[in-house]
Amino acid sequence: MMAVYIKELLDNFRDRRVIINTLILGPLMGPVIFAVMISFMTRQATERMEAPLELPVVGAEHAPNLISFLERQGVIITEAPDDPEAAVRQEVEEVILRLGPDFAEAWEAGHPAPVELIADLSLRYSGTTIARVRGYLGAWSGQVSQLRLQLRGVHPDLTRPINVQVTDLSTPESRGGMVLAFLPYFILITVFMGSMHMAIDTTAGERERKSLEPLLINPLPRWQIMAGKLGATTSFALMTLALGLVAFVIAMSYLPVEDMDMALNLDLRVAAWAFLLCAPAALMAAALLTILAAFAKSFREAQSYMGLVILVPMIPSFWILIDPTRTVTWMTMVPLLSQNVLILDLVRGEPMNLAWVGLSLATTGLAALVLAAIAGTLYNRPNLIFTSG
């Protein structure tokens, strides 16, 4: 078994393409893409919030007080295009404020004056501008309503039977956990990618090269041969996992977290915990990929199967993103889902529940051993050995 293990490791280390794709590009691409994406989003949001707001206004002459208030807030009032709807639809303008001719009449009568915001809510980049304009209009509306009440001898507090105050108990680390919500997905996909090439090469690849039959002639149990191959595949997955976690720690240290008013709880200690949690998943991924690759007649056919298997770690990650919920015990007993929820707790700065860690390691390890046992018996079936002929 050790001879097969060493043979498979040496064979893969001799292949430069495997080293580049598995141990360099695989672990580095995720952290680099993640860091660049977050940095770009943060810079864009900050620039849009701090940039001068240019607001085209239709009918500015109907509400001079409102226009004066907006200009005092730093809003640059510009002339609106002849066709506001077409300008927004063609993305020439993000938001246009339209004040109808009945604005002044309603204002003087003390009725709600009609104000129209023309925007395309399906354009995600316009959300910041829309929010800024609505914030200014809301502030002016509140200011005017208080003045009207005071002129009528009514204290403005009478219109507020309750005063709601939100006490934010979030910490910089917990807010940073929102940024790192994609981290478990990147980690698990790195594990699967790290074991994919070797799982294919040690099964379908060897059968295609006609080198599997001479190996099985040796007088030893075939499960030991498969165990050696599986051990080498798992080792590659663990190496990829370790390199990916270290790359994440380094890449996240360059994010402008000060501008986001948060702290990223991702250091070598957290990376070590994440490695421990995902170690059984590495064996599970290696065993699952090995089983599927063993049924393929060629290297190319096995690669087509792998594309579907990569969807497996995506399911729990996207489920948590779509339906976020508080971690409960049953989640820590589901392989891959347990890694997602526990890693998210880690990066949020939550204290680790050792019982949950034990459940995650036990259930994921049990699933991995079951798949490994199935993989170990595959080459006892002749139809899976001689399918290349």
Protein backbone atom coordinates (compact mmCIF):
# COMPACT_ATOMS: atom_id res chain seq x y z
CA MET A 1 0.00 0.00 0.00
CA MET A 2 2.81 2.45 0.86
CA ALA A 3 4.63 1.57 -2.36
CA VAL A 4 1.52 2.43 -4.39
CA TYR A 5 1.05 5.60 -2.34
CA ILE A 6 4.61 6.80 -2.99
CA LYS A 7 4.43 5.79 -6.67
CA GLU A 8 1.27 7.85 -7.28
CA LEU A 9 2.68 10.89 -5.48
CA LEU A 10 5.94 10.77 -7.44
CA ASP A 11 4.12 10.29 -10.76
CA ASN A 12 1.98 13.37 -10.13
CA PHE A 13 4.88 15.50 -8.88
CA ARG A 14 6.70 14.75 -12.14
CA ASP A 15 3.79 16.24 -14.12
CA ARG A 16 4.34 20.00 -14.23
CA ARG A 17 0.82 20.67 -15.45
CA VAL A 18 -0.61 18.92 -12.41
CA ILE A 19 1.60 20.89 -10.03
CA ILE A 20 0.72 24.20 -11.70
CA ASN A 21 -3.03 23.54 -11.88
CA THR A 22 -3.49 21.72 -8.57
CA LEU A 23 -0.95 23.22 -6.18
CA ILE A 24 -0.51 26.73 -7.62
CA LEU A 25 -3.43 27.96 -9.70
CA GLY A 26 -6.09 26.03 -7.76
CA PRO A 27 -5.26 27.34 -4.25
CA LEU A 28 -4.37 30.85 -5.45
CA MET A 29 -7.18 31.66 -7.87
CA GLY A 30 -9.93 31.58 -5.23
CA PRO A 31 -8.24 33.97 -2.76
CA VAL A 32 -7.08 36.33 -5.50
CA ILE A 33 -10.51 36.51 -7.15
CA PHE A 34 -12.20 36.91 -3.77
CA ALA A 35 -9.86 39.69 -2.62
CA VAL A 36 -10.05 41.58 -5.92
CA MET A 37 -13.85 41.30 -5.99
CA ILE A 38 -14.31 42.57 -2.42
CA SER A 39 -11.78 45.38 -2.88
CA PHE A 40 -13.48 46.51 -6.09
CA MET A 41 -16.95 46.41 -4.53
CA THR A 42 -15.78 48.36 -1.48
CA ARG A 43 -14.00 50.99 -3.52
CA GLN A 44 -16.96 51.40 -5.85
CA ALA A 45 -19.45 51.75 -2.97
CA THR A 46 -17.23 54.26 -1.16
CA GLU A 47 -16.66 56.35 -4.28
CA ARG A 48 -20.37 56.42 -5.13
CA MET A 49 -21.35 57.46 -1.60
CA GLU A 50 -18.74 60.21 -1.38
CA ALA A 51 -18.96 61.52 -4.95
CA PRO A 52 -21.01 64.71 -5.58
CA LEU A 53 -24.59 63.82 -6.43
CA GLU A 54 -25.83 65.28 -9.71
CA LEU A 55 -29.63 65.24 -9.86
CA PRO A 56 -31.60 66.26 -12.97
CA VAL A 57 -34.88 67.90 -11.93
CA VAL A 58 -38.01 68.42 -14.02
CA GLY A 59 -40.10 71.38 -12.82
CA ALA A 60 -37.56 72.79 -10.37
CA GLU A 61 -39.40 76.13 -10.47
CA HIS A 62 -42.41 74.55 -8.72
CA ALA A 63 -40.50 73.80 -5.49
CA PRO A 64 -37.80 76.42 -4.86
CA ASN A 65 -37.61 75.53 -1.15
CA LEU A 66 -36.92 71.88 -1.90
CA ILE A 67 -34.32 72.78 -4.53
CA SER A 68 -32.64 75.16 -2.08
CA PHE A 69 -32.55 72.42 0.59
CA LEU A 70 -31.00 69.93 -1.81
CA GLU A 71 -28.34 72.41 -2.89
CA ARG A 72 -27.45 73.08 0.76
CA GLN A 73 -26.87 69.35 1.15
CA GLY A 74 -24.34 69.45 -1.67
CA VAL A 75 -26.61 68.09 -4.41
CA ILE A 76 -25.80 69.51 -7.85
CA ILE A 77 -29.11 70.33 -9.58
CA THR A 78 -28.93 69.94 -13.36
CA GLU A 79 -31.38 70.46 -16.17
CA ALA A 80 -33.43 67.39 -16.98
CA PRO A 81 -33.54 65.92 -20.50
CA ASP A 82 -36.60 66.47 -22.68
CA ASP A 83 -37.63 62.83 -22.34
CA PRO A 84 -36.80 61.70 -18.76
CA GLU A 85 -38.13 58.15 -19.20
CA ALA A 86 -36.05 57.57 -22.32
CA ALA A 87 -32.94 58.99 -20.63
CA VAL A 88 -33.29 56.57 -17.72
CA ARG A 89 -34.21 53.66 -19.94
CA GLN A 90 -31.15 54.26 -22.12
CA GLU A 91 -29.00 54.61 -18.95
CA VAL A 92 -28.03 58.19 -19.76
CA GLU A 93 -29.26 59.19 -16.29
CA GLU A 94 -29.62 57.06 -13.16
CA VAL A 95 -32.32 59.03 -11.32
CA ILE A 96 -34.46 62.00 -12.37
CA LEU A 97 -36.65 64.01 -9.98
CA ARG A 98 -39.92 65.28 -11.45
CA LEU A 99 -42.05 67.95 -9.73
CA GLY A 100 -45.45 68.44 -11.34
CA PRO A 101 -47.28 71.77 -11.77
CA ASP A 102 -49.70 70.80 -8.98
CA PHE A 103 -46.84 70.65 -6.45
CA ALA A 104 -47.25 74.29 -5.36
CA GLU A 105 -51.04 74.01 -5.03
CA ALA A 106 -50.81 70.92 -2.86
CA TRP A 107 -48.03 72.53 -0.83
CA GLU A 108 -50.05 75.65 -0.07
CA ALA A 109 -53.11 73.61 0.83
CA GLY A 110 -51.08 71.54 3.31
CA HIS A 111 -51.63 68.31 1.34
CA PRO A 112 -48.89 65.83 0.44
CA ALA A 113 -47.15 67.35 -2.58
CA PRO A 114 -46.49 64.85 -5.42
CA VAL A 115 -42.83 64.08 -6.06
CA GLU A 116 -41.81 61.49 -8.64
CA LEU A 117 -38.51 59.65 -8.85
CA ILE A 118 -37.86 58.24 -12.30
CA ALA A 119 -35.42 55.33 -12.11
CA ASP A 120 -34.85 51.77 -13.29
CA LEU A 121 -34.80 49.66 -10.14
CA SER A 122 -33.46 46.66 -12.05
CA LEU A 123 -30.11 48.43 -12.49
CA ARG A 124 -28.10 47.42 -9.46
CA TYR A 125 -25.54 50.21 -9.78
CA SER A 126 -28.27 52.85 -9.42
CA GLY A 127 -29.31 51.63 -5.96
CA THR A 128 -26.85 53.88 -4.13
CA THR A 129 -27.99 56.99 -6.02
CA ILE A 130 -31.67 56.19 -5.44
CA ALA A 131 -31.05 55.69 -1.73
CA ARG A 132 -29.19 59.00 -1.45
CA VAL A 133 -31.98 60.95 -3.20
CA ARG A 134 -34.69 59.30 -1.10
CA GLY A 135 -32.69 60.06 2.03
CA TYR A 136 -32.51 63.76 1.17
CA LEU A 137 -36.21 63.91 0.33
CA GLY A 138 -37.11 62.09 3.56
CA ALA A 139 -35.00 64.50 5.62
CA TRP A 140 -36.65 67.54 4.03
CA SER A 141 -40.13 66.04 4.44
CA GLY A 142 -39.50 65.40 8.15
CA GLN A 143 -38.15 68.90 8.67
CA VAL A 144 -41.17 70.53 6.98
CA SER A 145 -43.69 68.38 8.85
CA GLN A 146 -42.20 69.42 12.20
CA LEU A 147 -42.33 73.11 11.26
CA ARG A 148 -45.97 72.79 10.23
CA LEU A 149 -46.92 71.21 13.53
CA GLN A 150 -45.08 73.86 15.51
CA LEU A 151 -46.87 76.65 13.59
CA ARG A 152 -50.18 75.09 14.63
CA GLY A 153 -49.15 74.87 18.25
CA VAL A 154 -48.69 71.08 18.19
CA HIS A 155 -45.53 69.55 19.55
CA PRO A 156 -43.91 67.29 16.91
CA ASP A 157 -43.38 64.52 19.48
CA LEU A 158 -47.16 63.90 19.52
CA THR A 159 -46.82 62.32 16.09
CA ARG A 160 -44.30 59.81 17.45
CA PRO A 161 -46.06 57.59 20.00
CA ILE A 162 -42.95 55.42 20.19
CA ASN A 163 -39.28 56.15 19.62
CA VAL A 164 -37.55 53.10 18.20
CA GLN A 165 -33.81 52.86 18.76
CA VAL A 166 -31.75 49.98 17.38
CA THR A 167 -28.87 48.87 19.58
CA ASP A 168 -26.30 47.33 17.28
CA LEU A 169 -24.52 44.51 19.08
CA SER A 170 -22.48 43.49 16.08
CA THR A 171 -18.72 43.48 16.39
CA PRO A 172 -16.16 44.33 13.72
CA GLU A 173 -15.46 40.58 13.47
CA SER A 174 -19.14 39.65 13.03
CA ARG A 175 -19.55 42.32 10.35
CA GLY A 176 -16.44 40.96 8.68
CA GLY A 177 -18.11 37.55 8.68
CA MET A 178 -20.63 38.97 6.20
CA VAL A 179 -17.77 39.65 3.78
CA LEU A 180 -16.37 36.14 4.29
CA ALA A 181 -19.72 34.42 3.67
CA PHE A 182 -18.32 32.89 0.47
CA LEU A 183 -15.22 31.53 2.21
CA PRO A 184 -16.56 28.00 2.98
CA TYR A 185 -17.55 27.54 -0.66
CA PHE A 186 -14.09 28.52 -1.91
CA ILE A 187 -12.44 26.22 0.63
CA LEU A 188 -14.56 23.18 -0.21
CA ILE A 189 -14.31 23.71 -3.95
CA THR A 190 -10.52 23.86 -3.51
CA VAL A 191 -10.61 20.47 -1.77
CA PHE A 192 -12.58 18.88 -4.63
CA MET A 193 -10.41 20.49 -7.29
CA GLY A 194 -7.25 19.39 -5.52
CA SER A 195 -8.24 15.72 -5.62
CA MET A 196 -9.90 15.68 -9.05
CA HIS A 197 -6.90 15.20 -11.34
CA MET A 198 -5.25 12.45 -9.29
CA ALA A 199 -8.56 10.62 -8.79
CA ILE A 200 -8.99 10.48 -12.56
CA ASP A 201 -5.38 9.66 -13.35
CA THR A 202 -5.05 6.82 -10.81
CA THR A 203 -8.17 5.03 -12.09
CA ALA A 204 -9.47 5.87 -15.56
CA GLY A 205 -6.07 7.21 -16.63
CA GLU A 206 -4.23 4.05 -15.65
CA ARG A 207 -6.84 1.85 -17.28
CA GLU A 208 -6.59 3.87 -20.48
CA ARG A 209 -2.77 3.59 -20.47
CA LYS A 210 -3.02 -0.21 -19.97
CA SER A 211 -0.89 0.05 -16.79
CA LEU A 212 -3.58 -1.07 -14.35
CA GLU A 213 -3.60 -4.80 -15.23
CA PRO A 214 0.16 -5.29 -14.53
CA LEU A 215 -0.29 -3.53 -11.18
CA LEU A 216 -3.14 -5.84 -10.17
CA ILE A 217 -1.09 -8.96 -11.00
CA ASN A 218 0.99 -8.36 -7.88
CA PRO A 219 0.16 -10.86 -5.08
CA LEU A 220 -1.53 -8.51 -2.61
CA PRO A 221 -5.15 -7.62 -1.83
CA ARG A 222 -6.58 -5.21 -4.34
CA TRP A 223 -8.06 -3.04 -1.61
CA GLN A 224 -4.51 -2.19 -0.55
CA ILE A 225 -3.74 -0.97 -4.06
CA MET A 226 -6.84 1.20 -4.02
CA ALA A 227 -6.03 2.39 -0.51
CA GLY A 228 -2.60 3.54 -1.68
CA LYS A 229 -4.15 5.41 -4.60
CA LEU A 230 -6.83 6.90 -2.36
CA GLY A 231 -4.24 7.97 0.20
CA ALA A 232 -2.22 9.77 -2.47
CA THR A 233 -5.36 11.51 -3.78
CA THR A 234 -6.31 12.59 -0.26
CA SER A 235 -2.78 13.90 0.35
CA PHE A 236 -3.00 16.09 -2.73
CA ALA A 237 -6.38 17.38 -1.58
CA LEU A 238 -4.96 18.22 1.87
CA MET A 239 -1.97 19.98 0.35
CA THR A 240 -4.28 22.04 -1.84
CA LEU A 241 -6.46 22.82 1.17
CA ALA A 242 -3.50 23.98 3.27
CA LEU A 243 -2.09 26.15 0.48
CA GLY A 244 -5.51 27.63 -0.22
CA LEU A 245 -6.08 28.57 3.42
CA VAL A 246 -2.68 30.21 3.73
CA ALA A 247 -3.35 32.10 0.49
CA PHE A 248 -6.67 33.31 1.89
CA VAL A 249 -5.00 34.55 5.08
CA ILE A 250 -2.44 36.51 3.05
CA ALA A 251 -4.94 37.86 0.50
CA MET A 252 -7.47 39.00 3.11
CA SER A 253 -4.80 40.99 4.93
CA TYR A 254 -4.69 43.39 1.96
CA LEU A 255 -8.41 44.22 2.01
CA PRO A 256 -9.32 47.81 3.02
CA VAL A 257 -11.26 46.70 6.10
CA GLU A 258 -10.83 50.10 7.79
CA ASP A 259 -12.98 51.70 5.09
CA MET A 260 -15.68 49.08 5.69
CA ASP A 261 -15.71 49.53 9.51
CA MET A 262 -15.08 45.86 10.11
CA ALA A 263 -12.36 43.37 10.94
CA LEU A 264 -11.70 40.09 9.18
CA ASN A 265 -11.22 37.29 11.68
CA LEU A 266 -9.03 35.20 9.40
CA ASP A 267 -5.57 34.40 10.68
CA LEU A 268 -3.46 31.25 10.90
CA ARG A 269 -5.36 30.09 14.00
CA VAL A 270 -8.70 30.27 12.17
CA ALA A 271 -7.07 28.66 9.13
CA ALA A 272 -5.88 25.77 11.31
CA TRP A 273 -9.41 25.23 12.64
CA ALA A 274 -10.78 25.33 9.09
CA PHE A 275 -8.16 22.79 7.99
CA LEU A 276 -9.17 20.46 10.82
CA LEU A 277 -12.86 20.78 9.94
CA CYS A 278 -12.28 20.15 6.24
CA ALA A 279 -9.73 17.32 6.56
CA PRO A 280 -12.41 14.56 6.60
CA ALA A 281 -14.06 16.28 3.61
CA ALA A 282 -10.79 15.82 1.71
CA LEU A 283 -10.99 12.03 2.16
CA MET A 284 -14.68 12.10 1.25
CA ALA A 285 -14.00 14.10 -1.92
CA ALA A 286 -11.12 11.80 -2.90
CA ALA A 287 -13.22 8.67 -2.37
CA LEU A 288 -16.26 10.05 -4.22
CA LEU A 289 -14.21 11.21 -7.20
CA THR A 290 -12.30 7.93 -7.29
CA ILE A 291 -15.53 5.91 -7.36
CA LEU A 292 -16.94 7.94 -10.25
CA ALA A 293 -13.67 7.91 -12.18
CA ALA A 294 -13.44 4.14 -11.81
CA PHE A 295 -16.61 3.73 -13.86
CA ALA A 296 -15.28 5.88 -16.72
CA LYS A 297 -13.74 4.16 -19.73
CA SER A 298 -11.34 7.00 -20.53
CA PHE A 299 -9.70 10.04 -19.00
CA ARG A 300 -11.94 12.37 -21.01
CA GLU A 301 -15.11 10.57 -19.96
CA ALA A 302 -14.04 10.81 -16.31
CA GLN A 303 -13.51 14.55 -16.70
CA SER A 304 -17.09 14.93 -17.89
CA TYR A 305 -18.28 13.23 -14.69
CA MET A 306 -16.15 15.51 -12.55
CA GLY A 307 -17.92 18.61 -13.82
CA LEU A 308 -21.13 17.37 -12.20
CA VAL A 309 -19.44 16.38 -8.95
CA ILE A 310 -18.05 19.90 -8.48
CA LEU A 311 -21.66 20.99 -7.95
CA VAL A 312 -21.77 18.96 -4.70
CA PRO A 313 -19.92 21.49 -2.47
CA MET A 314 -21.92 24.33 -4.02
CA ILE A 315 -25.27 23.08 -2.72
CA PRO A 316 -24.82 23.71 1.06
CA SER A 317 -22.93 26.98 0.46
CA PHE A 318 -25.64 28.47 -1.74
CA TRP A 319 -28.38 27.13 0.52
CA ILE A 320 -26.91 29.07 3.45
CA LEU A 321 -26.58 32.21 1.33
CA ILE A 322 -30.18 31.96 0.12
CA ASP A 323 -31.69 30.96 3.46
CA PRO A 324 -29.39 32.20 6.25
CA THR A 325 -30.32 30.81 9.64
CA ARG A 326 -28.89 30.27 13.08
CA THR A 327 -26.64 27.25 13.50
CA VAL A 328 -28.37 24.34 15.19
CA THR A 329 -27.09 20.90 16.14
CA TRP A 330 -28.53 18.94 13.22
CA MET A 331 -26.60 21.12 10.75
CA THR A 332 -23.30 19.99 12.26
CA MET A 333 -24.22 16.37 11.50
CA VAL A 334 -24.58 16.87 7.73
CA PRO A 335 -21.30 16.50 5.79
CA LEU A 336 -20.23 19.65 3.89
CA LEU A 337 -23.07 21.64 5.47
CA SER A 338 -21.37 21.31 8.86
CA GLN A 339 -18.13 22.72 7.43
CA ASN A 340 -20.04 25.69 6.03
CA VAL A 341 -21.81 26.67 9.23
CA LEU A 342 -18.84 26.09 11.53
CA ILE A 343 -16.40 28.03 9.34
CA LEU A 344 -18.89 30.91 9.21
CA ASP A 345 -19.04 30.86 13.01
CA LEU A 346 -15.25 30.91 13.08
CA VAL A 347 -14.87 33.98 10.88
CA ARG A 348 -17.61 35.78 12.82
CA GLY A 349 -15.49 35.43 15.94
CA GLU A 350 -17.95 33.12 17.68
CA PRO A 351 -16.54 30.75 20.33
CA MET A 352 -16.09 27.26 18.96
CA ASN A 353 -18.52 24.64 20.22
CA LEU A 354 -16.31 21.59 20.64
CA ALA A 355 -19.32 19.27 20.66
CA TRP A 356 -20.35 20.57 17.25
CA VAL A 357 -16.79 20.21 15.99
CA GLY A 358 -16.78 16.61 17.19
CA LEU A 359 -20.10 15.89 15.47
CA SER A 360 -18.85 17.41 12.23
CA LEU A 361 -15.61 15.42 12.27
CA ALA A 362 -17.42 12.21 13.21
CA THR A 363 -20.21 12.37 10.63
CA THR A 364 -18.04 13.62 7.77
CA GLY A 365 -15.34 11.10 8.69
CA LEU A 366 -17.90 8.28 8.77
CA ALA A 367 -19.25 9.24 5.35
CA ALA A 368 -15.69 9.43 4.03
CA LEU A 369 -14.82 5.98 5.40
CA VAL A 370 -17.96 4.46 3.87
CA LEU A 371 -17.08 5.91 0.46
CA ALA A 372 -13.46 4.81 0.90
CA ALA A 373 -14.61 1.26 1.70
CA ILE A 374 -16.72 1.24 -1.45
CA ALA A 375 -13.77 2.51 -3.46
CA GLY A 376 -11.53 -0.17 -1.93
CA THR A 377 -13.74 -2.96 -3.30
CA LEU A 378 -14.11 -1.60 -6.82
CA TYR A 379 -11.24 -3.51 -8.38
CA ASN A 380 -12.60 -6.81 -7.13
CA ARG A 381 -15.09 -6.49 -10.00
CA PRO A 382 -13.53 -7.66 -13.31
CA ASN A 383 -15.90 -5.62 -15.45
CA LEU A 384 -14.42 -2.45 -13.97
CA ILE A 385 -10.86 -3.55 -14.64
CA PHE A 386 -11.06 -4.59 -18.27
CA THR A 387 -13.39 -1.92 -19.65
CA SER A 388 -10.61 -0.27 -21.65
CA GLY A 389 -10.23 -3.12 -24.10
